[in-house]
N, C-alpha and C. Protein backbone atom coordinates (compact mmCIF):
# COMPACT_ATOMS: atom_id res chain seq x y z
N MET A 1 15.77 -7.48 1.10
CA MET A 1 15.22 -8.87 0.55
C MET A 1 14.14 -9.45 1.14
N PRO A 2 12.87 -9.79 0.68
CA PRO A 2 11.91 -10.22 1.29
C PRO A 2 12.41 -11.59 1.43
N PRO A 3 11.83 -12.49 2.31
CA PRO A 3 11.95 -13.94 2.82
C PRO A 3 12.16 -14.93 1.45
N HIS A 4 11.02 -14.83 0.79
CA HIS A 4 10.72 -15.88 -0.15
C HIS A 4 11.66 -15.61 -1.30
N TYR A 5 12.36 -14.83 -1.05
CA TYR A 5 13.80 -14.82 -2.44
C TYR A 5 15.27 -15.41 -1.56
N GLY A 6 14.53 -16.02 -0.50
CA GLY A 6 16.33 -16.08 0.30
C GLY A 6 16.48 -15.23 1.31
N GLY A 7 16.00 -13.90 1.57
CA GLY A 7 16.63 -13.26 2.18
C GLY A 7 16.16 -13.39 3.93
N VAL A 8 16.67 -12.90 4.72
CA VAL A 8 16.56 -12.89 6.10
C VAL A 8 15.72 -11.91 6.53
N VAL A 9 14.38 -12.21 7.52
CA VAL A 9 14.19 -10.48 8.09
C VAL A 9 13.44 -10.91 9.38
N ARG A 10 12.94 -10.24 10.25
CA ARG A 10 12.93 -10.21 10.98
C ARG A 10 11.23 -11.20 11.27
N LEU A 11 11.14 -11.94 12.48
CA LEU A 11 10.11 -13.00 12.47
C LEU A 11 8.79 -12.06 12.29
N ALA A 12 8.60 -11.04 13.41
CA ALA A 12 7.14 -9.87 12.87
C ALA A 12 6.96 -9.62 11.87
N LYS A 13 8.11 -8.96 10.62
CA LYS A 13 7.65 -8.84 9.40
C LYS A 13 7.18 -10.07 8.74
N TYR A 14 8.28 -11.28 9.08
CA TYR A 14 7.92 -12.25 8.44
C TYR A 14 6.20 -12.78 8.61
N LEU A 15 6.35 -12.95 9.45
CA LEU A 15 4.87 -13.45 10.03
C LEU A 15 3.88 -12.50 9.29
N ALA A 16 4.02 -11.17 9.18
CA ALA A 16 2.94 -9.89 8.48
C ALA A 16 3.13 -10.34 7.35
N HIS A 17 3.99 -10.25 6.95
CA HIS A 17 3.98 -10.32 5.11
C HIS A 17 3.41 -11.98 4.29
N ALA A 18 3.18 -12.93 5.50
CA ALA A 18 2.78 -14.07 5.32
C ALA A 18 1.39 -13.68 5.49
N GLY A 19 0.96 -12.68 5.63
CA GLY A 19 -0.50 -12.90 6.05
C GLY A 19 -1.32 -13.01 7.82
N VAL A 20 -0.55 -13.45 8.45
CA VAL A 20 -0.85 -13.74 9.47
C VAL A 20 -1.31 -12.90 10.80
N ALA A 21 -0.99 -11.61 10.64
CA ALA A 21 -1.71 -10.28 11.28
C ALA A 21 -0.61 -9.20 10.97
N SER A 22 -1.19 -8.11 11.73
CA SER A 22 0.00 -6.99 11.47
C SER A 22 1.23 -6.89 11.61
N ARG A 23 1.80 -6.04 11.87
CA ARG A 23 3.28 -6.52 12.29
C ARG A 23 2.89 -6.09 14.11
N ARG A 24 2.35 -5.40 14.39
CA ARG A 24 2.08 -5.25 15.77
C ARG A 24 1.44 -6.82 16.08
N ALA A 25 0.57 -7.03 15.72
CA ALA A 25 -0.58 -8.18 16.31
C ALA A 25 0.28 -9.27 16.21
N ALA A 26 1.75 -9.54 15.38
CA ALA A 26 2.52 -10.69 15.02
C ALA A 26 2.93 -10.25 16.13
N GLU A 27 3.66 -9.41 16.61
CA GLU A 27 4.93 -8.98 18.23
C GLU A 27 3.60 -9.49 18.88
N ARG A 28 2.21 -9.11 19.14
CA ARG A 28 1.43 -9.61 20.60
C ARG A 28 1.62 -11.40 20.31
N LEU A 29 1.49 -11.97 19.26
CA LEU A 29 1.38 -13.26 18.60
C LEU A 29 2.36 -13.73 19.26
N ILE A 30 4.05 -13.33 19.02
CA ILE A 30 5.76 -13.48 19.55
C ILE A 30 5.58 -13.71 20.99
N ALA A 31 5.21 -12.44 21.22
CA ALA A 31 5.62 -11.90 22.86
C ALA A 31 4.29 -13.50 23.63
N ALA A 32 3.34 -13.69 22.92
CA ALA A 32 2.44 -14.62 24.20
C ALA A 32 3.18 -16.10 23.57
N GLY A 33 4.21 -15.97 23.36
CA GLY A 33 4.20 -17.58 23.30
C GLY A 33 3.49 -18.30 22.31
N ARG A 34 3.01 -17.63 20.84
CA ARG A 34 2.11 -18.66 20.28
C ARG A 34 2.81 -18.83 18.79
N VAL A 35 4.41 -18.70 18.99
CA VAL A 35 4.83 -18.93 17.19
C VAL A 35 6.14 -19.70 17.62
N ARG A 36 6.39 -20.59 17.18
CA ARG A 36 7.68 -21.62 17.11
C ARG A 36 8.51 -21.28 15.86
N VAL A 37 9.75 -21.63 15.88
CA VAL A 37 10.75 -21.46 14.71
C VAL A 37 11.60 -22.75 15.22
N ASP A 38 11.66 -23.17 14.12
CA ASP A 38 12.42 -24.58 14.44
C ASP A 38 12.16 -25.85 15.04
N GLY A 39 10.66 -25.40 15.56
CA GLY A 39 10.57 -26.22 16.96
C GLY A 39 10.40 -25.40 18.11
N ASP A 40 11.19 -24.78 18.34
CA ASP A 40 11.37 -23.93 19.18
C ASP A 40 10.26 -22.65 19.53
N VAL A 41 9.80 -22.17 20.99
CA VAL A 41 8.47 -21.02 20.97
C VAL A 41 9.62 -20.17 21.05
N VAL A 42 9.57 -19.17 20.41
CA VAL A 42 9.94 -17.71 20.17
C VAL A 42 9.53 -16.68 20.60
N ARG A 43 9.93 -15.87 21.46
CA ARG A 43 8.96 -14.66 22.06
C ARG A 43 10.08 -13.24 21.94
N ASP A 44 10.95 -13.21 20.86
CA ASP A 44 11.74 -12.26 20.40
C ASP A 44 10.94 -11.44 18.77
N PRO A 45 10.14 -10.51 18.99
CA PRO A 45 9.96 -10.45 16.94
C PRO A 45 11.29 -10.12 16.37
N ALA A 46 12.09 -9.65 16.87
CA ALA A 46 13.42 -8.98 16.25
C ALA A 46 14.37 -10.70 15.70
N ARG A 47 14.21 -11.91 15.67
CA ARG A 47 14.57 -12.57 15.51
C ARG A 47 14.72 -12.87 14.28
N ASP A 48 15.77 -13.37 13.98
CA ASP A 48 15.96 -13.34 12.40
C ASP A 48 15.37 -14.87 11.90
N VAL A 49 14.65 -14.89 10.36
CA VAL A 49 14.04 -15.99 10.27
C VAL A 49 14.59 -15.77 8.45
N SER A 50 14.34 -16.93 7.64
CA SER A 50 14.61 -16.92 6.42
C SER A 50 13.68 -18.21 5.92
N ASP A 51 13.17 -18.93 4.61
CA ASP A 51 12.77 -19.53 4.25
C ASP A 51 13.44 -21.06 4.70
N ALA A 52 14.54 -20.77 5.13
CA ALA A 52 15.29 -21.89 5.44
C ALA A 52 14.56 -23.00 6.70
N ASN A 53 13.95 -21.86 7.45
CA ASN A 53 13.60 -22.24 8.92
C ASN A 53 11.59 -22.10 8.02
N GLU A 54 11.35 -23.58 9.75
CA GLU A 54 10.26 -24.00 10.02
C GLU A 54 9.71 -22.57 11.04
N VAL A 55 8.22 -22.07 10.62
CA VAL A 55 7.86 -21.34 11.40
C VAL A 55 6.87 -21.70 11.04
N VAL A 56 5.33 -21.79 12.27
CA VAL A 56 4.63 -22.33 12.57
C VAL A 56 3.89 -21.23 13.40
N ALA A 57 2.76 -20.75 13.12
CA ALA A 57 2.10 -19.76 14.10
C ALA A 57 0.45 -20.19 15.07
N GLU A 58 0.82 -20.14 16.01
CA GLU A 58 -1.23 -20.82 16.12
C GLU A 58 -1.18 -22.26 15.55
N GLY A 59 0.22 -23.18 15.75
CA GLY A 59 -0.40 -24.29 15.13
C GLY A 59 -0.64 -24.96 13.39
N ARG A 60 0.33 -23.58 12.80
CA ARG A 60 -0.66 -23.65 11.69
C ARG A 60 1.66 -22.89 10.61
N ALA A 61 1.62 -24.08 9.81
CA ALA A 61 2.75 -23.71 9.21
C ALA A 61 2.56 -22.22 8.86
N VAL A 62 3.05 -21.43 8.25
CA VAL A 62 3.57 -20.39 7.70
C VAL A 62 4.47 -19.68 6.70
N ARG A 63 4.14 -19.76 5.46
CA ARG A 63 5.00 -19.03 4.45
C ARG A 63 4.42 -17.97 4.04
N PRO A 64 5.65 -17.29 3.20
CA PRO A 64 4.86 -15.74 2.96
C PRO A 64 4.70 -15.81 1.58
N GLU A 65 3.13 -14.85 1.53
CA GLU A 65 2.72 -14.75 0.09
C GLU A 65 3.89 -14.37 -0.86
N PRO A 66 4.31 -14.81 -2.34
CA PRO A 66 4.75 -14.24 -3.34
C PRO A 66 4.23 -12.62 -3.44
N LEU A 67 5.57 -11.73 -3.60
CA LEU A 67 5.27 -10.15 -4.12
C LEU A 67 4.43 -10.86 -5.58
N GLU A 68 3.43 -9.58 -5.39
CA GLU A 68 2.84 -9.58 -6.48
C GLU A 68 2.69 -7.75 -7.05
N TYR A 69 2.55 -7.20 -8.14
CA TYR A 69 2.78 -5.69 -8.58
C TYR A 69 1.61 -5.77 -9.65
N HIS A 70 0.66 -5.29 -9.86
CA HIS A 70 -0.24 -4.55 -10.99
C HIS A 70 0.18 -3.35 -11.18
N VAL A 71 -0.28 -2.84 -12.41
CA VAL A 71 -0.44 -1.69 -12.52
C VAL A 71 -1.73 -1.45 -13.28
N VAL A 72 -2.92 -1.05 -12.83
CA VAL A 72 -4.17 -0.65 -12.81
C VAL A 72 -4.76 0.60 -13.47
N ASN A 73 -5.52 0.47 -14.36
CA ASN A 73 -6.50 1.80 -15.23
C ASN A 73 -7.50 1.90 -14.27
N LYS A 74 -7.83 2.42 -13.14
CA LYS A 74 -8.79 2.69 -11.99
C LYS A 74 -10.10 3.15 -13.47
N PRO A 75 -11.09 3.06 -13.64
CA PRO A 75 -12.10 3.94 -13.98
C PRO A 75 -12.88 4.67 -13.00
N VAL A 76 -13.63 5.45 -13.57
CA VAL A 76 -14.34 6.71 -12.81
C VAL A 76 -15.55 5.72 -12.23
N GLY A 77 -16.22 5.84 -10.60
CA GLY A 77 -17.01 5.85 -10.11
C GLY A 77 -16.22 3.96 -9.18
N VAL A 78 -14.86 3.57 -9.59
CA VAL A 78 -14.25 2.78 -8.54
C VAL A 78 -13.48 3.38 -7.45
N VAL A 79 -13.48 2.83 -6.41
CA VAL A 79 -12.68 3.65 -4.81
C VAL A 79 -11.67 3.24 -5.18
N SER A 80 -10.41 3.96 -4.63
CA SER A 80 -9.16 3.49 -4.67
C SER A 80 -8.49 3.01 -3.15
N THR A 81 -9.17 2.15 -2.62
CA THR A 81 -8.95 1.23 -1.64
C THR A 81 -9.42 -0.11 -1.50
N ALA A 82 -8.34 -1.03 -0.31
CA ALA A 82 -8.78 -2.00 -0.18
C ALA A 82 -9.96 -2.46 0.23
N SER A 83 -10.52 -1.48 1.06
CA SER A 83 -12.14 -1.65 1.59
C SER A 83 -12.66 -0.83 1.51
N ASP A 84 -14.36 -1.06 1.06
CA ASP A 84 -15.03 -0.01 1.48
C ASP A 84 -16.47 -0.47 1.87
N PRO A 85 -16.58 0.09 3.52
CA PRO A 85 -18.21 -0.60 3.94
C PRO A 85 -18.66 0.47 3.54
N GLY A 86 -19.15 1.28 2.12
CA GLY A 86 -20.45 1.34 1.32
C GLY A 86 -20.37 0.68 0.45
N GLY A 87 -20.01 -0.55 0.78
CA GLY A 87 -20.16 -1.33 -0.76
C GLY A 87 -19.91 -0.87 -2.20
N LYS A 88 -19.38 -0.04 -2.20
CA LYS A 88 -18.61 0.54 -3.65
C LYS A 88 -17.47 -0.45 -4.12
N GLU A 89 -17.68 -0.94 -5.46
CA GLU A 89 -16.35 -1.54 -6.50
C GLU A 89 -15.03 -0.84 -6.14
N LYS A 90 -14.39 -1.59 -5.67
CA LYS A 90 -12.97 -1.21 -5.14
C LYS A 90 -11.58 -1.64 -6.04
N VAL A 91 -10.81 -0.47 -5.98
CA VAL A 91 -9.76 -0.67 -7.06
C VAL A 91 -8.95 -2.29 -7.08
N THR A 92 -9.15 -3.46 -5.85
CA THR A 92 -8.54 -4.01 -5.33
C THR A 92 -9.44 -5.46 -6.38
N ASP A 93 -10.50 -5.02 -6.47
CA ASP A 93 -11.55 -5.55 -6.83
C ASP A 93 -11.19 -6.49 -8.66
N LEU A 94 -10.56 -5.55 -9.33
CA LEU A 94 -10.09 -5.27 -11.08
C LEU A 94 -8.96 -6.30 -10.99
N VAL A 95 -8.29 -6.92 -9.89
CA VAL A 95 -7.37 -7.50 -9.87
C VAL A 95 -7.83 -8.89 -9.75
N ASP A 96 -7.37 -10.49 -10.20
CA ASP A 96 -7.84 -11.72 -10.02
C ASP A 96 -6.55 -12.37 -9.24
N THR A 97 -6.93 -12.14 -8.12
CA THR A 97 -5.51 -12.68 -7.19
C THR A 97 -6.40 -13.12 -5.49
N GLU A 98 -5.35 -13.71 -5.12
CA GLU A 98 -6.17 -14.26 -3.46
C GLU A 98 -5.09 -13.49 -2.70
N ALA A 99 -4.07 -12.77 -3.15
CA ALA A 99 -3.26 -11.85 -2.65
C ALA A 99 -3.71 -10.88 -1.95
N ARG A 100 -3.35 -10.27 -0.63
CA ARG A 100 -4.26 -8.99 0.02
C ARG A 100 -3.20 -7.79 -0.97
N LEU A 101 -3.99 -6.75 -1.80
CA LEU A 101 -3.24 -5.73 -2.36
C LEU A 101 -3.70 -4.32 -1.58
N TYR A 102 -3.16 -3.64 -1.70
CA TYR A 102 -3.29 -2.76 -1.28
C TYR A 102 -2.93 -1.38 -2.53
N PRO A 103 -3.69 -0.36 -2.55
CA PRO A 103 -3.22 0.40 -3.60
C PRO A 103 -2.15 1.48 -3.14
N VAL A 104 -1.43 1.80 -4.29
CA VAL A 104 0.11 2.70 -3.50
C VAL A 104 -0.84 3.92 -4.50
N GLY A 105 -1.00 4.96 -3.34
CA GLY A 105 -1.32 6.12 -3.64
C GLY A 105 -3.31 6.11 -4.06
N ARG A 106 -3.46 7.30 -4.45
CA ARG A 106 -4.95 7.40 -4.28
C ARG A 106 -5.61 8.31 -5.24
N LEU A 107 -6.77 7.78 -5.96
CA LEU A 107 -7.40 8.69 -6.89
C LEU A 107 -8.75 8.48 -6.57
N ASP A 108 -9.59 9.68 -6.76
CA ASP A 108 -10.59 10.15 -6.64
C ASP A 108 -11.33 9.15 -7.27
N ALA A 109 -12.58 8.47 -6.46
CA ALA A 109 -13.96 8.17 -7.11
C ALA A 109 -14.12 8.36 -9.16
N ASP A 110 -14.28 9.99 -9.03
CA ASP A 110 -14.91 10.61 -10.01
C ASP A 110 -13.37 10.85 -10.94
N SER A 111 -12.65 10.09 -10.78
CA SER A 111 -11.56 10.25 -12.08
C SER A 111 -11.21 8.61 -12.01
N SER A 112 -10.64 8.72 -13.12
CA SER A 112 -9.76 7.60 -13.66
C SER A 112 -8.36 7.33 -14.09
N GLY A 113 -7.54 6.60 -13.85
CA GLY A 113 -6.12 6.75 -14.42
C GLY A 113 -5.16 5.83 -13.47
N LEU A 114 -3.72 5.36 -13.94
CA LEU A 114 -3.07 4.23 -13.88
C LEU A 114 -2.68 4.28 -11.89
N ILE A 115 -3.25 3.24 -11.45
CA ILE A 115 -2.65 3.19 -10.24
C ILE A 115 -1.93 1.81 -9.69
N LEU A 116 -1.20 2.10 -9.06
CA LEU A 116 -0.40 0.54 -8.72
C LEU A 116 -0.56 -0.43 -7.56
N LEU A 117 -1.41 -1.68 -7.63
CA LEU A 117 -1.41 -2.55 -6.34
C LEU A 117 -0.28 -3.42 -6.12
N THR A 118 -0.43 -3.66 -4.92
CA THR A 118 0.53 -4.67 -4.42
C THR A 118 0.60 -5.28 -3.02
N ASN A 119 1.43 -6.03 -2.73
CA ASN A 119 1.38 -6.66 -1.39
C ASN A 119 2.54 -6.49 -1.13
N ASP A 120 3.31 -5.19 -1.43
CA ASP A 120 4.65 -4.94 -1.20
C ASP A 120 5.19 -4.33 -0.37
N GLY A 121 4.60 -4.49 1.01
CA GLY A 121 4.62 -3.20 1.78
C GLY A 121 6.16 -2.41 1.94
N GLU A 122 6.93 -2.71 1.50
CA GLU A 122 8.17 -2.21 1.87
C GLU A 122 7.87 -1.07 0.96
N LEU A 123 8.05 -1.81 -0.20
CA LEU A 123 7.98 -1.02 -1.34
C LEU A 123 6.66 0.52 -1.70
N ALA A 124 5.24 -0.05 -0.78
CA ALA A 124 4.46 0.66 -0.75
C ALA A 124 4.75 2.18 0.31
N ASN A 125 5.21 1.14 1.63
CA ASN A 125 5.37 2.94 2.21
C ASN A 125 6.42 3.47 1.60
N ARG A 126 8.05 3.15 0.65
CA ARG A 126 8.52 4.10 0.26
C ARG A 126 8.36 4.86 -0.71
N LEU A 127 7.17 4.77 -1.60
CA LEU A 127 6.12 5.55 -2.66
C LEU A 127 6.04 6.05 -1.96
N MET A 128 4.49 6.24 -1.02
CA MET A 128 4.01 6.92 0.21
C MET A 128 4.50 8.03 0.71
N HIS A 129 5.58 7.17 1.62
CA HIS A 129 5.47 8.02 2.87
C HIS A 129 6.15 9.51 2.69
N PRO A 130 5.89 10.50 3.05
CA PRO A 130 6.61 11.98 2.80
C PRO A 130 8.09 11.94 3.63
N ARG A 131 8.17 11.33 4.59
CA ARG A 131 9.96 11.21 4.29
C ARG A 131 11.13 10.68 3.78
N TYR A 132 10.49 9.91 2.46
CA TYR A 132 10.99 9.58 1.35
C TYR A 132 11.26 10.78 -0.04
N GLU A 133 10.27 11.64 0.46
CA GLU A 133 10.31 12.73 -1.23
C GLU A 133 9.99 12.38 -2.10
N VAL A 134 8.96 11.21 -2.56
CA VAL A 134 8.96 10.60 -3.84
C VAL A 134 8.33 11.63 -4.39
N ASP A 135 8.45 12.33 -5.88
CA ASP A 135 7.39 13.31 -6.25
C ASP A 135 6.59 12.02 -6.93
N LYS A 136 5.17 12.90 -7.08
CA LYS A 136 4.26 12.10 -7.68
C LYS A 136 3.78 12.81 -9.09
N ARG A 137 3.71 12.76 -10.46
CA ARG A 137 3.17 13.73 -11.08
C ARG A 137 1.94 12.98 -11.64
N TYR A 138 0.87 14.03 -12.15
CA TYR A 138 -0.32 13.90 -12.64
C TYR A 138 -0.23 14.37 -14.04
N ARG A 139 -0.87 13.59 -15.01
CA ARG A 139 -1.41 14.83 -16.04
C ARG A 139 -2.71 14.51 -15.95
N VAL A 140 -3.65 15.84 -15.44
CA VAL A 140 -5.31 15.75 -15.47
C VAL A 140 -5.88 16.56 -16.38
N ARG A 141 -7.39 15.85 -16.79
CA ARG A 141 -7.64 16.56 -17.86
C ARG A 141 -8.96 17.03 -17.17
N VAL A 142 -9.37 18.35 -17.46
CA VAL A 142 -10.34 18.85 -16.78
C VAL A 142 -11.71 19.50 -17.83
N ARG A 143 -12.67 19.42 -17.24
CA ARG A 143 -13.71 20.23 -17.96
C ARG A 143 -13.78 21.93 -18.18
N GLY A 144 -13.57 22.34 -19.03
CA GLY A 144 -12.82 23.99 -19.36
C GLY A 144 -12.00 24.03 -18.99
N THR A 145 -11.40 25.47 -18.26
CA THR A 145 -10.14 25.73 -18.37
C THR A 145 -10.00 25.78 -16.86
N PRO A 146 -9.18 25.47 -16.57
CA PRO A 146 -9.36 26.18 -14.57
C PRO A 146 -8.86 27.45 -14.58
N SER A 147 -9.26 28.39 -13.39
CA SER A 147 -8.85 29.45 -13.12
C SER A 147 -7.69 29.46 -12.20
N LYS A 148 -7.13 30.83 -12.50
CA LYS A 148 -5.66 31.07 -11.68
C LYS A 148 -5.67 30.79 -10.40
N ALA A 149 -7.40 31.29 -9.66
CA ALA A 149 -7.46 30.97 -7.97
C ALA A 149 -7.48 29.38 -7.96
N ALA A 150 -7.31 28.59 -9.32
CA ALA A 150 -7.77 27.27 -8.19
C ALA A 150 -6.24 26.71 -8.37
N LEU A 151 -5.40 27.22 -9.67
CA LEU A 151 -4.45 26.65 -10.13
C LEU A 151 -3.25 26.81 -8.35
N ALA A 152 -3.53 28.32 -7.83
CA ALA A 152 -3.12 29.18 -6.67
C ALA A 152 -3.03 28.24 -5.59
N ARG A 153 -4.34 27.48 -5.24
CA ARG A 153 -4.94 26.87 -4.14
C ARG A 153 -3.83 25.59 -4.07
N LEU A 154 -3.86 24.58 -5.17
CA LEU A 154 -3.14 23.81 -5.38
C LEU A 154 -1.23 23.86 -5.10
N ARG A 155 -0.86 25.26 -6.09
CA ARG A 155 0.01 25.44 -5.51
C ARG A 155 0.45 25.46 -4.44
N GLU A 156 -0.41 26.15 -3.54
CA GLU A 156 0.05 25.80 -2.19
C GLU A 156 -0.59 24.92 -1.15
N GLY A 157 -0.71 24.24 -1.35
CA GLY A 157 -1.46 22.85 -0.87
C GLY A 157 -3.36 22.74 -0.81
N VAL A 158 -3.54 22.11 -0.76
CA VAL A 158 -5.52 22.04 -0.07
C VAL A 158 -5.61 21.23 0.60
N GLU A 159 -6.54 21.58 1.74
CA GLU A 159 -6.61 21.03 3.06
C GLU A 159 -7.35 19.84 2.66
N LEU A 160 -7.53 18.85 2.73
CA LEU A 160 -8.26 17.42 2.86
C LEU A 160 -8.72 17.30 4.28
N ASP A 161 -9.86 15.66 3.98
CA ASP A 161 -9.89 15.27 5.71
C ASP A 161 -8.63 14.76 6.79
N ASP A 162 -8.06 14.42 5.77
CA ASP A 162 -6.75 13.87 6.88
C ASP A 162 -5.39 14.60 6.58
N GLY A 163 -5.39 16.35 6.51
CA GLY A 163 -4.73 17.41 6.96
C GLY A 163 -3.72 18.30 5.12
N LYS A 164 -3.36 18.81 5.22
CA LYS A 164 -3.40 19.71 3.86
C LYS A 164 -2.25 18.57 3.22
N THR A 165 -2.58 18.86 2.04
CA THR A 165 -1.19 18.19 0.67
C THR A 165 -0.01 19.20 0.35
N ALA A 166 0.70 18.59 0.07
CA ALA A 166 1.75 19.11 0.02
C ALA A 166 1.37 20.23 -1.33
N PRO A 167 2.69 21.42 -1.38
CA PRO A 167 2.17 22.23 -2.28
C PRO A 167 2.75 21.57 -3.91
N ALA A 168 1.97 22.09 -4.72
CA ALA A 168 2.28 21.26 -6.14
C ALA A 168 2.55 21.89 -7.25
N ASP A 169 3.43 21.70 -7.78
CA ASP A 169 3.80 22.37 -8.88
C ASP A 169 3.03 22.01 -10.34
N VAL A 170 2.48 23.14 -10.75
CA VAL A 170 1.34 23.10 -11.60
C VAL A 170 1.40 23.96 -12.41
N ARG A 171 1.02 23.62 -13.70
CA ARG A 171 1.66 24.05 -15.10
C ARG A 171 0.05 23.36 -15.98
N LEU A 172 -0.65 24.52 -16.56
CA LEU A 172 -1.59 24.12 -17.61
C LEU A 172 -0.44 23.78 -18.85
N VAL A 173 -0.61 22.77 -19.94
CA VAL A 173 -0.25 22.14 -20.61
C VAL A 173 -0.98 23.02 -21.88
N GLU A 174 -2.12 22.85 -21.98
CA GLU A 174 -3.08 23.14 -23.16
C GLU A 174 -4.23 23.08 -22.44
N SER A 175 -5.42 23.95 -23.26
CA SER A 175 -6.46 24.71 -22.49
C SER A 175 -7.41 24.29 -24.05
N ASN A 176 -8.69 24.04 -23.98
CA ASN A 176 -9.15 23.64 -25.32
C ASN A 176 -10.36 24.53 -25.16
N GLY A 177 -10.44 25.54 -23.76
CA GLY A 177 -11.08 26.89 -23.78
C GLY A 177 -12.75 26.58 -23.43
N ARG A 178 -13.04 25.14 -23.60
CA ARG A 178 -14.47 24.84 -23.35
C ARG A 178 -14.75 24.59 -21.92
């Protein structure tokens, strides 16, 4: 249970969710003695804390940000990332919030569709990490009719820059022959 709902979590996770640093960077802050819990320096990143504790990192009080969940209809031309060095509009720009949101999943810039944005890293991990085997279902509209070879490639898995996709269960639902 997230700390701002009364649950108990490890200190490094608490700091990460509060936006102080990534979990690994939070572990380094703790090890360096730059974090206090209830007035005491803590060097154990596994120390349990909750909202009942006073947590201070580098002299500043720390509170986790509330969890946010947004389902956004990503338009064509918008990238489904939280940062883009090329300066393209990002899907996170479509939501008016101060929270650090991350997209759950990806859609190509030249496609549109629903995408989940959240600052709930635990949920994002459970939905996206292959070990949890969460099926993703897409309904895609394309110009013309996809060839049998294109459908076969999807069924075998497609090689991308970051590795091969899992084989897809692909079905042609309807074809208008254009």
